[in-house]
Amino acid sequence: MMILPMGALRRRITWLQGAGTLAFVLVGNLLGSLVLAWVLIQSGIFNDAATGGMLDGILTSKMSHSPTEVLFRGVMCNILVCVAIWAAGRVKSEAAKAIVIFWGVFGFIASGFEHVVANMTIFGAGVLGGSTVDVTWADFGTNMLWAGLGNLVGGMVIMGMGYHFIAGRRKADAAVPDSIDAADVAVQQDAVPEVERVS
């Protein structure tokens, strides 16, 4: 939700390609989340008092929020996630990457913010019968809508467009036409004659 809009703003992809890729990713995550929820239910993990009670508590809490609350929790969530991913891309050590991502993700979980993909599994477990809380597909869809929109605003508008506005278009992007690729550059470099060294 941050990278695709940035790619479109920098004209590396079209907005249609970005929207299509995002839709494909969300559908893939939804299918995977429902399969994971089904597997967890089959494992019997939600029959245990501790884990079953935890799922019930999370679902009850998430369904108690208004659409506006879910929207803004989604915005805040994706700001933290995007900052974590962005910061991880700025460090070279694998350990540093793991630490940075952990704290960003931990921050949104501890704060109770809403992440559309994480909620796919939670609500999926609810609608497929893993919880004693009465969860309908309408509850599932409502949360997906508002959490997803919040995540999109946080990732695309605040982080992606914010960065693009502050940084502007790179000089290299403006100087090099989009049609030139690495092979073209290599051919052009080979065509430049070497200058003889004068001794």
N, C-alpha and C. Protein backbone atom coordinates (compact mmCIF):
# COMPACT_ATOMS: atom_id res chain seq x y z
N MET A 1 0.82 -1.21 0.00
CA MET A 1 0.00 0.00 0.00
C MET A 1 0.85 1.26 0.00
N MET A 2 2.14 1.12 0.29
CA MET A 2 3.07 2.25 0.18
C MET A 2 3.90 2.15 -1.10
N ILE A 3 4.44 0.98 -1.36
CA ILE A 3 5.38 0.81 -2.48
C ILE A 3 4.69 0.97 -3.83
N LEU A 4 3.51 0.39 -4.00
CA LEU A 4 2.83 0.48 -5.30
C LEU A 4 2.46 1.92 -5.67
N PRO A 5 1.86 2.70 -4.75
CA PRO A 5 1.60 4.11 -5.10
C PRO A 5 2.88 4.90 -5.38
N MET A 6 3.95 4.59 -4.64
CA MET A 6 5.22 5.28 -4.91
C MET A 6 5.72 4.94 -6.31
N GLY A 7 5.57 3.67 -6.70
CA GLY A 7 5.96 3.27 -8.05
C GLY A 7 5.14 3.98 -9.11
N ALA A 8 3.84 4.16 -8.85
CA ALA A 8 2.98 4.86 -9.81
C ALA A 8 3.33 6.35 -9.87
N LEU A 9 3.59 6.95 -8.71
CA LEU A 9 3.95 8.37 -8.67
C LEU A 9 5.27 8.63 -9.39
N ARG A 10 6.19 7.66 -9.32
CA ARG A 10 7.49 7.80 -9.98
C ARG A 10 7.46 7.26 -11.41
N ARG A 11 6.28 6.87 -11.87
CA ARG A 11 6.04 6.42 -13.23
C ARG A 11 6.81 5.15 -13.59
N ARG A 12 7.05 4.31 -12.60
CA ARG A 12 7.66 3.01 -12.85
C ARG A 12 6.60 1.99 -13.24
N ILE A 13 5.38 2.20 -12.72
CA ILE A 13 4.22 1.39 -13.08
C ILE A 13 3.06 2.36 -13.30
N THR A 14 1.99 1.86 -13.91
CA THR A 14 0.80 2.69 -14.06
C THR A 14 -0.08 2.53 -12.82
N TRP A 15 -1.01 3.47 -12.63
CA TRP A 15 -1.94 3.36 -11.51
C TRP A 15 -2.80 2.11 -11.66
N LEU A 16 -3.13 1.76 -12.89
CA LEU A 16 -3.93 0.55 -13.12
C LEU A 16 -3.15 -0.70 -12.72
N GLN A 17 -1.86 -0.75 -13.06
CA GLN A 17 -1.03 -1.88 -12.65
C GLN A 17 -0.94 -1.96 -11.13
N GLY A 18 -0.78 -0.80 -10.49
CA GLY A 18 -0.70 -0.77 -9.03
C GLY A 18 -1.98 -1.27 -8.39
N ALA A 19 -3.13 -0.80 -8.88
CA ALA A 19 -4.41 -1.22 -8.33
C ALA A 19 -4.65 -2.71 -8.56
N GLY A 20 -4.29 -3.20 -9.76
CA GLY A 20 -4.45 -4.62 -10.07
C GLY A 20 -3.59 -5.49 -9.19
N THR A 21 -2.35 -5.07 -8.98
CA THR A 21 -1.44 -5.84 -8.12
C THR A 21 -1.94 -5.86 -6.69
N LEU A 22 -2.40 -4.70 -6.20
CA LEU A 22 -2.90 -4.62 -4.83
C LEU A 22 -4.13 -5.52 -4.65
N ALA A 23 -5.03 -5.50 -5.62
CA ALA A 23 -6.22 -6.35 -5.54
C ALA A 23 -5.83 -7.83 -5.53
N PHE A 24 -4.86 -8.19 -6.39
CA PHE A 24 -4.39 -9.58 -6.46
C PHE A 24 -3.77 -10.01 -5.12
N VAL A 25 -2.99 -9.11 -4.52
CA VAL A 25 -2.34 -9.40 -3.23
C VAL A 25 -3.40 -9.58 -2.13
N LEU A 26 -4.40 -8.71 -2.12
CA LEU A 26 -5.44 -8.81 -1.08
C LEU A 26 -6.26 -10.09 -1.23
N VAL A 27 -6.60 -10.45 -2.46
CA VAL A 27 -7.36 -11.70 -2.67
C VAL A 27 -6.51 -12.91 -2.26
N GLY A 28 -5.24 -12.89 -2.63
CA GLY A 28 -4.35 -13.99 -2.24
C GLY A 28 -4.21 -14.10 -0.74
N ASN A 29 -4.08 -12.96 -0.06
CA ASN A 29 -4.00 -12.96 1.40
C ASN A 29 -5.30 -13.45 2.03
N LEU A 30 -6.43 -13.08 1.44
CA LEU A 30 -7.73 -13.52 1.96
C LEU A 30 -7.85 -15.04 1.88
N LEU A 31 -7.52 -15.60 0.73
CA LEU A 31 -7.60 -17.06 0.57
C LEU A 31 -6.66 -17.76 1.54
N GLY A 32 -5.43 -17.27 1.63
CA GLY A 32 -4.47 -17.87 2.55
C GLY A 32 -4.90 -17.76 4.00
N SER A 33 -5.49 -16.62 4.36
CA SER A 33 -5.95 -16.41 5.73
C SER A 33 -7.10 -17.35 6.09
N LEU A 34 -8.01 -17.55 5.15
CA LEU A 34 -9.13 -18.46 5.42
C LEU A 34 -8.66 -19.90 5.55
N VAL A 35 -7.68 -20.28 4.72
CA VAL A 35 -7.12 -21.63 4.84
C VAL A 35 -6.42 -21.79 6.19
N LEU A 36 -5.63 -20.78 6.59
CA LEU A 36 -4.94 -20.84 7.88
C LEU A 36 -5.96 -20.91 9.03
N ALA A 37 -7.02 -20.10 8.95
CA ALA A 37 -8.04 -20.13 10.00
C ALA A 37 -8.67 -21.51 10.10
N TRP A 38 -8.96 -22.13 8.95
CA TRP A 38 -9.55 -23.47 8.94
C TRP A 38 -8.61 -24.50 9.55
N VAL A 39 -7.32 -24.41 9.20
CA VAL A 39 -6.32 -25.34 9.75
C VAL A 39 -6.23 -25.18 11.27
N LEU A 40 -6.24 -23.93 11.75
CA LEU A 40 -6.17 -23.69 13.20
C LEU A 40 -7.39 -24.27 13.90
N ILE A 41 -8.56 -24.13 13.29
CA ILE A 41 -9.77 -24.70 13.88
C ILE A 41 -9.67 -26.22 13.93
N GLN A 42 -9.17 -26.83 12.84
CA GLN A 42 -9.02 -28.29 12.80
C GLN A 42 -8.02 -28.79 13.83
N SER A 43 -7.06 -27.95 14.19
CA SER A 43 -6.05 -28.36 15.18
C SER A 43 -6.62 -28.43 16.59
N GLY A 44 -7.80 -27.82 16.79
CA GLY A 44 -8.42 -27.83 18.11
C GLY A 44 -7.86 -26.79 19.06
N ILE A 45 -7.03 -25.91 18.56
CA ILE A 45 -6.37 -24.93 19.44
C ILE A 45 -7.38 -24.01 20.11
N PHE A 46 -8.50 -23.73 19.43
CA PHE A 46 -9.49 -22.82 20.00
C PHE A 46 -10.41 -23.50 21.01
N ASN A 47 -10.22 -24.80 21.20
CA ASN A 47 -10.98 -25.51 22.22
C ASN A 47 -10.33 -25.36 23.60
N ASP A 48 -9.06 -24.95 23.61
CA ASP A 48 -8.38 -24.72 24.88
C ASP A 48 -8.91 -23.44 25.50
N ALA A 49 -8.98 -23.42 26.80
CA ALA A 49 -9.55 -22.27 27.50
C ALA A 49 -8.78 -20.99 27.22
N ALA A 50 -7.46 -21.07 27.24
CA ALA A 50 -6.64 -19.87 27.08
C ALA A 50 -6.74 -19.31 25.67
N THR A 51 -6.49 -20.15 24.67
CA THR A 51 -6.48 -19.66 23.30
C THR A 51 -7.87 -19.37 22.78
N GLY A 52 -8.86 -20.18 23.15
CA GLY A 52 -10.24 -19.92 22.74
C GLY A 52 -10.76 -18.63 23.34
N GLY A 53 -10.45 -18.39 24.62
CA GLY A 53 -10.85 -17.16 25.28
C GLY A 53 -10.18 -15.94 24.67
N MET A 54 -8.93 -16.12 24.24
CA MET A 54 -8.21 -15.01 23.62
C MET A 54 -8.88 -14.61 22.31
N LEU A 55 -9.23 -15.59 21.46
CA LEU A 55 -9.89 -15.28 20.19
C LEU A 55 -11.24 -14.60 20.43
N ASP A 56 -11.99 -15.11 21.41
CA ASP A 56 -13.29 -14.49 21.72
C ASP A 56 -13.10 -13.04 22.16
N GLY A 57 -12.10 -12.80 22.98
CA GLY A 57 -11.85 -11.45 23.47
C GLY A 57 -11.44 -10.50 22.36
N ILE A 58 -10.59 -10.97 21.45
CA ILE A 58 -10.14 -10.13 20.33
C ILE A 58 -11.30 -9.79 19.42
N LEU A 59 -12.13 -10.80 19.08
CA LEU A 59 -13.27 -10.56 18.20
C LEU A 59 -14.28 -9.61 18.84
N THR A 60 -14.56 -9.81 20.11
CA THR A 60 -15.51 -8.94 20.81
C THR A 60 -15.01 -7.50 20.79
N SER A 61 -13.71 -7.33 21.04
CA SER A 61 -13.13 -5.99 21.04
C SER A 61 -13.19 -5.35 19.66
N LYS A 62 -12.79 -6.09 18.63
CA LYS A 62 -12.75 -5.53 17.28
C LYS A 62 -14.15 -5.16 16.77
N MET A 63 -15.16 -5.95 17.13
CA MET A 63 -16.51 -5.67 16.67
C MET A 63 -17.20 -4.57 17.47
N SER A 64 -16.57 -4.14 18.57
CA SER A 64 -17.17 -3.09 19.38
C SER A 64 -16.83 -1.68 18.88
N HIS A 65 -15.88 -1.60 17.93
CA HIS A 65 -15.45 -0.28 17.45
C HIS A 65 -16.34 0.21 16.32
N SER A 66 -16.51 1.53 16.26
CA SER A 66 -17.28 2.14 15.17
C SER A 66 -16.43 2.11 13.89
N PRO A 67 -17.07 2.25 12.71
CA PRO A 67 -16.29 2.31 11.47
C PRO A 67 -15.22 3.42 11.48
N THR A 68 -15.53 4.55 12.07
CA THR A 68 -14.55 5.65 12.14
C THR A 68 -13.34 5.24 12.96
N GLU A 69 -13.57 4.57 14.09
CA GLU A 69 -12.47 4.11 14.93
C GLU A 69 -11.61 3.09 14.18
N VAL A 70 -12.26 2.16 13.50
CA VAL A 70 -11.52 1.14 12.74
C VAL A 70 -10.70 1.81 11.64
N LEU A 71 -11.27 2.81 10.96
CA LEU A 71 -10.57 3.53 9.90
C LEU A 71 -9.29 4.17 10.43
N PHE A 72 -9.40 4.91 11.52
CA PHE A 72 -8.22 5.61 12.04
C PHE A 72 -7.23 4.67 12.70
N ARG A 73 -7.71 3.57 13.26
CA ARG A 73 -6.79 2.55 13.78
C ARG A 73 -6.03 1.91 12.61
N GLY A 74 -6.70 1.77 11.47
CA GLY A 74 -6.05 1.25 10.27
C GLY A 74 -5.00 2.20 9.74
N VAL A 75 -5.29 3.49 9.77
CA VAL A 75 -4.31 4.50 9.34
C VAL A 75 -3.05 4.41 10.19
N MET A 76 -3.24 4.42 11.51
CA MET A 76 -2.10 4.38 12.43
C MET A 76 -1.31 3.07 12.29
N CYS A 77 -2.03 1.97 12.07
CA CYS A 77 -1.37 0.68 11.91
C CYS A 77 -0.41 0.70 10.74
N ASN A 78 -0.90 1.16 9.59
CA ASN A 78 -0.04 1.06 8.41
C ASN A 78 1.09 2.08 8.41
N ILE A 79 0.94 3.17 9.14
CA ILE A 79 2.07 4.08 9.31
C ILE A 79 3.19 3.35 10.03
N LEU A 80 2.85 2.63 11.10
CA LEU A 80 3.87 1.87 11.84
C LEU A 80 4.48 0.77 10.99
N VAL A 81 3.64 0.05 10.25
CA VAL A 81 4.15 -1.04 9.41
C VAL A 81 5.07 -0.49 8.32
N CYS A 82 4.66 0.59 7.66
CA CYS A 82 5.48 1.17 6.59
C CYS A 82 6.79 1.73 7.11
N VAL A 83 6.75 2.36 8.29
CA VAL A 83 7.99 2.87 8.89
C VAL A 83 8.92 1.71 9.21
N ALA A 84 8.36 0.60 9.70
CA ALA A 84 9.19 -0.58 10.02
C ALA A 84 9.84 -1.13 8.75
N ILE A 85 9.07 -1.26 7.68
CA ILE A 85 9.61 -1.79 6.42
C ILE A 85 10.64 -0.82 5.85
N TRP A 86 10.33 0.46 5.89
CA TRP A 86 11.23 1.48 5.37
C TRP A 86 12.55 1.49 6.15
N ALA A 87 12.45 1.46 7.47
CA ALA A 87 13.65 1.47 8.31
C ALA A 87 14.47 0.21 8.08
N ALA A 88 13.80 -0.94 7.92
CA ALA A 88 14.51 -2.19 7.69
C ALA A 88 15.27 -2.15 6.37
N GLY A 89 14.75 -1.41 5.40
CA GLY A 89 15.44 -1.27 4.12
C GLY A 89 16.66 -0.38 4.18
N ARG A 90 16.81 0.36 5.27
CA ARG A 90 17.93 1.29 5.42
C ARG A 90 19.10 0.69 6.18
N VAL A 91 18.92 -0.50 6.75
CA VAL A 91 20.02 -1.14 7.49
C VAL A 91 20.49 -2.38 6.74
N LYS A 92 21.75 -2.74 6.94
CA LYS A 92 22.33 -3.85 6.19
C LYS A 92 22.30 -5.16 6.96
N SER A 93 22.40 -5.10 8.26
CA SER A 93 22.45 -6.31 9.08
C SER A 93 21.10 -7.00 9.11
N GLU A 94 21.10 -8.31 8.95
CA GLU A 94 19.86 -9.08 9.02
C GLU A 94 19.26 -9.00 10.41
N ALA A 95 20.10 -9.00 11.44
CA ALA A 95 19.60 -8.88 12.81
C ALA A 95 18.93 -7.53 13.02
N ALA A 96 19.53 -6.47 12.49
CA ALA A 96 18.95 -5.13 12.63
C ALA A 96 17.61 -5.06 11.91
N LYS A 97 17.52 -5.67 10.73
CA LYS A 97 16.24 -5.70 10.00
C LYS A 97 15.15 -6.37 10.84
N ALA A 98 15.49 -7.52 11.43
CA ALA A 98 14.51 -8.26 12.23
C ALA A 98 14.07 -7.45 13.44
N ILE A 99 15.01 -6.78 14.08
CA ILE A 99 14.69 -5.98 15.27
C ILE A 99 13.79 -4.81 14.91
N VAL A 100 14.13 -4.11 13.84
CA VAL A 100 13.34 -2.94 13.42
C VAL A 100 11.92 -3.36 13.05
N ILE A 101 11.78 -4.43 12.28
CA ILE A 101 10.45 -4.89 11.88
C ILE A 101 9.66 -5.37 13.10
N PHE A 102 10.33 -6.07 14.02
CA PHE A 102 9.65 -6.56 15.22
C PHE A 102 9.03 -5.41 16.00
N TRP A 103 9.78 -4.34 16.23
CA TRP A 103 9.27 -3.25 17.05
C TRP A 103 8.14 -2.50 16.35
N GLY A 104 8.22 -2.35 15.03
CA GLY A 104 7.13 -1.70 14.31
C GLY A 104 5.85 -2.51 14.38
N VAL A 105 5.96 -3.81 14.16
CA VAL A 105 4.78 -4.69 14.20
C VAL A 105 4.27 -4.82 15.64
N PHE A 106 5.18 -4.95 16.59
CA PHE A 106 4.79 -5.03 18.00
C PHE A 106 4.03 -3.78 18.42
N GLY A 107 4.47 -2.63 17.91
CA GLY A 107 3.82 -1.36 18.24
C GLY A 107 2.37 -1.34 17.83
N PHE A 108 2.06 -1.80 16.61
CA PHE A 108 0.67 -1.75 16.17
C PHE A 108 -0.18 -2.81 16.86
N ILE A 109 0.41 -3.96 17.17
CA ILE A 109 -0.36 -5.00 17.88
C ILE A 109 -0.66 -4.54 19.30
N ALA A 110 0.36 -4.03 20.01
CA ALA A 110 0.18 -3.59 21.39
C ALA A 110 -0.80 -2.42 21.50
N SER A 111 -0.85 -1.60 20.44
CA SER A 111 -1.74 -0.44 20.46
C SER A 111 -3.18 -0.79 20.10
N GLY A 112 -3.41 -1.98 19.58
CA GLY A 112 -4.75 -2.39 19.19
C GLY A 112 -5.18 -1.81 17.86
N PHE A 113 -4.19 -1.44 17.02
CA PHE A 113 -4.51 -0.91 15.71
C PHE A 113 -4.98 -2.03 14.78
N GLU A 114 -5.59 -1.64 13.67
CA GLU A 114 -6.24 -2.60 12.78
C GLU A 114 -5.43 -2.83 11.50
N HIS A 115 -5.10 -4.09 11.23
CA HIS A 115 -4.38 -4.46 10.02
C HIS A 115 -5.26 -5.41 9.22
N VAL A 116 -5.58 -5.03 7.99
CA VAL A 116 -6.57 -5.77 7.21
C VAL A 116 -6.19 -7.23 7.02
N VAL A 117 -4.92 -7.52 6.78
CA VAL A 117 -4.52 -8.91 6.53
C VAL A 117 -4.53 -9.72 7.82
N ALA A 118 -4.06 -9.14 8.93
CA ALA A 118 -4.11 -9.85 10.21
C ALA A 118 -5.56 -10.14 10.59
N ASN A 119 -6.45 -9.18 10.32
CA ASN A 119 -7.86 -9.35 10.66
C ASN A 119 -8.54 -10.41 9.80
N MET A 120 -7.99 -10.67 8.61
CA MET A 120 -8.56 -11.71 7.76
C MET A 120 -8.54 -13.06 8.48
N THR A 121 -7.45 -13.36 9.15
CA THR A 121 -7.34 -14.64 9.86
C THR A 121 -8.20 -14.63 11.11
N ILE A 122 -8.19 -13.51 11.84
CA ILE A 122 -8.97 -13.43 13.09
C ILE A 122 -10.46 -13.57 12.80
N PHE A 123 -10.97 -12.77 11.87
CA PHE A 123 -12.39 -12.85 11.54
C PHE A 123 -12.71 -14.15 10.80
N GLY A 124 -11.75 -14.65 10.02
CA GLY A 124 -11.94 -15.93 9.34
C GLY A 124 -12.17 -17.05 10.33
N ALA A 125 -11.37 -17.05 11.41
CA ALA A 125 -11.56 -18.08 12.44
C ALA A 125 -12.93 -17.93 13.10
N GLY A 126 -13.38 -16.67 13.23
CA GLY A 126 -14.69 -16.44 13.84
C GLY A 126 -15.84 -16.94 12.98
N VAL A 127 -15.82 -16.59 11.70
CA VAL A 127 -16.95 -16.99 10.83
C VAL A 127 -16.93 -18.48 10.51
N LEU A 128 -15.77 -19.11 10.58
CA LEU A 128 -15.69 -20.54 10.28
C LEU A 128 -15.95 -21.40 11.51
N GLY A 129 -16.29 -20.79 12.64
CA GLY A 129 -16.72 -21.56 13.81
C GLY A 129 -15.68 -21.77 14.88
N GLY A 130 -14.59 -21.02 14.85
CA GLY A 130 -13.54 -21.21 15.86
C GLY A 130 -13.79 -20.43 17.13
N SER A 131 -14.86 -19.64 17.16
CA SER A 131 -15.13 -18.78 18.32
C SER A 131 -16.56 -18.98 18.80
N THR A 132 -16.78 -18.71 20.08
CA THR A 132 -18.14 -18.75 20.62
C THR A 132 -18.87 -17.43 20.37
N VAL A 133 -18.13 -16.42 19.91
CA VAL A 133 -18.74 -15.12 19.59
C VAL A 133 -19.45 -15.25 18.25
N ASP A 134 -20.64 -14.68 18.15
CA ASP A 134 -21.42 -14.74 16.91
C ASP A 134 -20.84 -13.75 15.91
N VAL A 135 -20.06 -14.26 14.95
CA VAL A 135 -19.43 -13.42 13.93
C VAL A 135 -20.05 -13.78 12.58
N THR A 136 -20.55 -12.76 11.88
CA THR A 136 -21.16 -12.99 10.57
C THR A 136 -20.21 -12.54 9.46
N TRP A 137 -20.55 -12.95 8.23
CA TRP A 137 -19.76 -12.49 7.09
C TRP A 137 -19.89 -10.98 6.92
N ALA A 138 -21.02 -10.42 7.36
CA ALA A 138 -21.20 -8.96 7.31
C ALA A 138 -20.22 -8.27 8.25
N ASP A 139 -20.03 -8.85 9.45
CA ASP A 139 -19.04 -8.31 10.39
C ASP A 139 -17.64 -8.37 9.76
N PHE A 140 -17.35 -9.51 9.14
CA PHE A 140 -16.07 -9.71 8.45
C PHE A 140 -15.89 -8.62 7.39
N GLY A 141 -16.88 -8.46 6.52
CA GLY A 141 -16.77 -7.50 5.42
C GLY A 141 -16.66 -6.07 5.89
N THR A 142 -17.40 -5.71 6.94
CA THR A 142 -17.34 -4.35 7.47
C THR A 142 -15.94 -4.03 7.98
N ASN A 143 -15.35 -4.97 8.71
CA ASN A 143 -14.00 -4.74 9.22
C ASN A 143 -13.00 -4.66 8.07
N MET A 144 -13.14 -5.55 7.09
CA MET A 144 -12.21 -5.51 5.95
C MET A 144 -12.28 -4.17 5.22
N LEU A 145 -13.48 -3.64 5.05
CA LEU A 145 -13.67 -2.38 4.34
C LEU A 145 -12.97 -1.23 5.07
N TRP A 146 -13.30 -1.05 6.35
CA TRP A 146 -12.79 0.12 7.06
C TRP A 146 -11.33 -0.02 7.45
N ALA A 147 -10.91 -1.22 7.85
CA ALA A 147 -9.48 -1.43 8.16
C ALA A 147 -8.65 -1.30 6.89
N GLY A 148 -9.16 -1.86 5.78
CA GLY A 148 -8.45 -1.78 4.50
C GLY A 148 -8.31 -0.35 4.01
N LEU A 149 -9.39 0.43 4.11
CA LEU A 149 -9.31 1.83 3.70
C LEU A 149 -8.33 2.60 4.59
N GLY A 150 -8.37 2.32 5.90
CA GLY A 150 -7.43 2.97 6.81
C GLY A 150 -5.99 2.62 6.48
N ASN A 151 -5.74 1.35 6.22
CA ASN A 151 -4.39 0.92 5.83
C ASN A 151 -3.94 1.60 4.55
N LEU A 152 -4.88 1.74 3.60
CA LEU A 152 -4.56 2.39 2.32
C LEU A 152 -4.22 3.86 2.52
N VAL A 153 -4.99 4.56 3.35
CA VAL A 153 -4.70 5.97 3.62
C VAL A 153 -3.34 6.10 4.31
N GLY A 154 -3.09 5.26 5.31
CA GLY A 154 -1.80 5.32 6.01
C GLY A 154 -0.63 5.02 5.10
N GLY A 155 -0.76 3.97 4.27
CA GLY A 155 0.35 3.56 3.40
C GLY A 155 0.50 4.43 2.18
N MET A 156 -0.61 4.70 1.48
CA MET A 156 -0.53 5.44 0.21
C MET A 156 -0.44 6.94 0.42
N VAL A 157 -1.38 7.50 1.17
CA VAL A 157 -1.46 8.96 1.28
C VAL A 157 -0.39 9.51 2.21
N ILE A 158 -0.36 9.01 3.45
CA ILE A 158 0.55 9.59 4.43
C ILE A 158 2.00 9.21 4.15
N MET A 159 2.27 7.93 3.93
CA MET A 159 3.66 7.51 3.74
C MET A 159 4.12 7.66 2.29
N GLY A 160 3.42 7.04 1.35
CA GLY A 160 3.86 7.05 -0.05
C GLY A 160 3.82 8.43 -0.68
N MET A 161 2.65 9.08 -0.64
CA MET A 161 2.53 10.40 -1.25
C MET A 161 3.28 11.45 -0.43
N GLY A 162 3.31 11.25 0.89
CA GLY A 162 4.08 12.17 1.74
C GLY A 162 5.55 12.16 1.37
N TYR A 163 6.10 10.95 1.20
CA TYR A 163 7.51 10.84 0.81
C TYR A 163 7.73 11.44 -0.57
N HIS A 164 6.84 11.15 -1.50
CA HIS A 164 6.99 11.67 -2.86
C HIS A 164 6.95 13.20 -2.86
N PHE A 165 6.07 13.79 -2.07
CA PHE A 165 5.96 15.24 -2.00
C PHE A 165 7.23 15.86 -1.41
N ILE A 166 7.75 15.25 -0.34
CA ILE A 166 8.94 15.80 0.32
C ILE A 166 10.19 15.60 -0.54
N ALA A 167 10.36 14.41 -1.09
CA ALA A 167 11.58 14.10 -1.85
C ALA A 167 11.53 14.61 -3.27
N GLY A 168 10.34 14.67 -3.85
CA GLY A 168 10.24 15.06 -5.26
C GLY A 168 10.77 13.97 -6.16
N ARG A 169 10.77 14.23 -7.44
CA ARG A 169 11.28 13.24 -8.38
C ARG A 169 12.79 13.29 -8.40
N ARG A 170 13.42 12.12 -8.35
CA ARG A 170 14.87 12.07 -8.37
C ARG A 170 15.41 12.62 -9.67
N LYS A 171 16.58 13.28 -9.61
CA LYS A 171 17.18 13.83 -10.83
C LYS A 171 17.47 12.73 -11.83
N ALA A 172 17.86 11.57 -11.32
CA ALA A 172 18.16 10.45 -12.23
C ALA A 172 16.90 10.01 -12.97
N ASP A 173 15.74 10.06 -12.28
CA ASP A 173 14.48 9.68 -12.93
C ASP A 173 14.14 10.65 -14.04
N ALA A 174 14.40 11.93 -13.80
CA ALA A 174 14.05 12.94 -14.79
C ALA A 174 15.03 12.95 -15.96
N ALA A 175 16.30 12.62 -15.69
CA ALA A 175 17.33 12.70 -16.71
C ALA A 175 17.34 11.49 -17.64
N VAL A 176 16.99 10.33 -17.12
CA VAL A 176 17.05 9.10 -17.92
C VAL A 176 15.65 8.74 -18.39
N PRO A 177 15.41 8.68 -19.70
CA PRO A 177 14.09 8.28 -20.19
C PRO A 177 13.74 6.88 -19.71
N ASP A 178 12.43 6.64 -19.52
CA ASP A 178 11.98 5.34 -19.03
C ASP A 178 12.32 4.19 -19.98
N SER A 179 12.55 4.50 -21.27
CA SER A 179 12.79 3.45 -22.25
C SER A 179 14.21 2.91 -22.21
N ILE A 180 15.12 3.60 -21.52
CA ILE A 180 16.51 3.14 -21.46
C ILE A 180 16.64 2.12 -20.35
N ASP A 181 17.18 0.96 -20.67
CA ASP A 181 17.41 -0.05 -19.65
C ASP A 181 18.91 -0.32 -19.53
N ALA A 182 19.26 -1.27 -18.71
CA ALA A 182 20.68 -1.55 -18.44
C ALA A 182 21.41 -1.97 -19.71
N ALA A 183 20.75 -2.74 -20.58
CA ALA A 183 21.41 -3.19 -21.81
C ALA A 183 21.72 -2.01 -22.72
N ASP A 184 20.79 -1.04 -22.83
CA ASP A 184 21.02 0.15 -23.64
C ASP A 184 22.22 0.94 -23.12
N VAL A 185 22.31 1.07 -21.78
CA VAL A 185 23.41 1.82 -21.18
C VAL A 185 24.73 1.13 -21.48
N ALA A 186 24.74 -0.22 -21.38
CA ALA A 186 25.96 -0.97 -21.65
C ALA A 186 26.42 -0.78 -23.09
N VAL A 187 25.48 -0.82 -24.04
CA VAL A 187 25.81 -0.63 -25.45
C VAL A 187 26.36 0.77 -25.68
N GLN A 188 25.74 1.76 -25.05
CA GLN A 188 26.22 3.13 -25.20
C GLN A 188 27.62 3.30 -24.63
N GLN A 189 27.91 2.64 -23.50
CA GLN A 189 29.23 2.75 -22.91
C GLN A 189 30.28 2.08 -23.79
N ASP A 190 29.93 0.95 -24.42
CA ASP A 190 30.87 0.26 -25.30
C ASP A 190 31.17 1.10 -26.55
N ALA A 191 30.22 1.94 -26.92
CA ALA A 191 30.40 2.74 -28.14
C ALA A 191 31.33 3.92 -27.93
N VAL A 192 31.60 4.26 -26.67
CA VAL A 192 32.49 5.40 -26.39
C VAL A 192 33.93 4.94 -26.53
N PRO A 193 34.72 5.58 -27.41
CA PRO A 193 36.10 5.14 -27.57
C PRO A 193 36.94 5.43 -26.33
N GLU A 194 37.88 4.53 -26.09
CA GLU A 194 38.77 4.76 -24.96
C GLU A 194 39.77 5.85 -25.30
N VAL A 195 40.11 6.66 -24.32
CA VAL A 195 41.09 7.73 -24.52
C VAL A 195 42.47 7.18 -24.26
N GLU A 196 43.37 7.37 -25.22
CA GLU A 196 44.73 6.85 -25.05
C GLU A 196 45.46 7.65 -23.98
N ARG A 197 46.20 6.91 -23.18
CA ARG A 197 46.98 7.58 -22.12
C ARG A 197 48.22 8.20 -22.76
N VAL A 198 48.44 9.44 -22.42
CA VAL A 198 49.64 10.13 -22.92
C VAL A 198 50.74 9.96 -21.88
N SER A 199 51.92 9.41 -22.35
CA SER A 199 52.99 9.17 -21.37
C SER A 199 53.96 10.32 -21.36
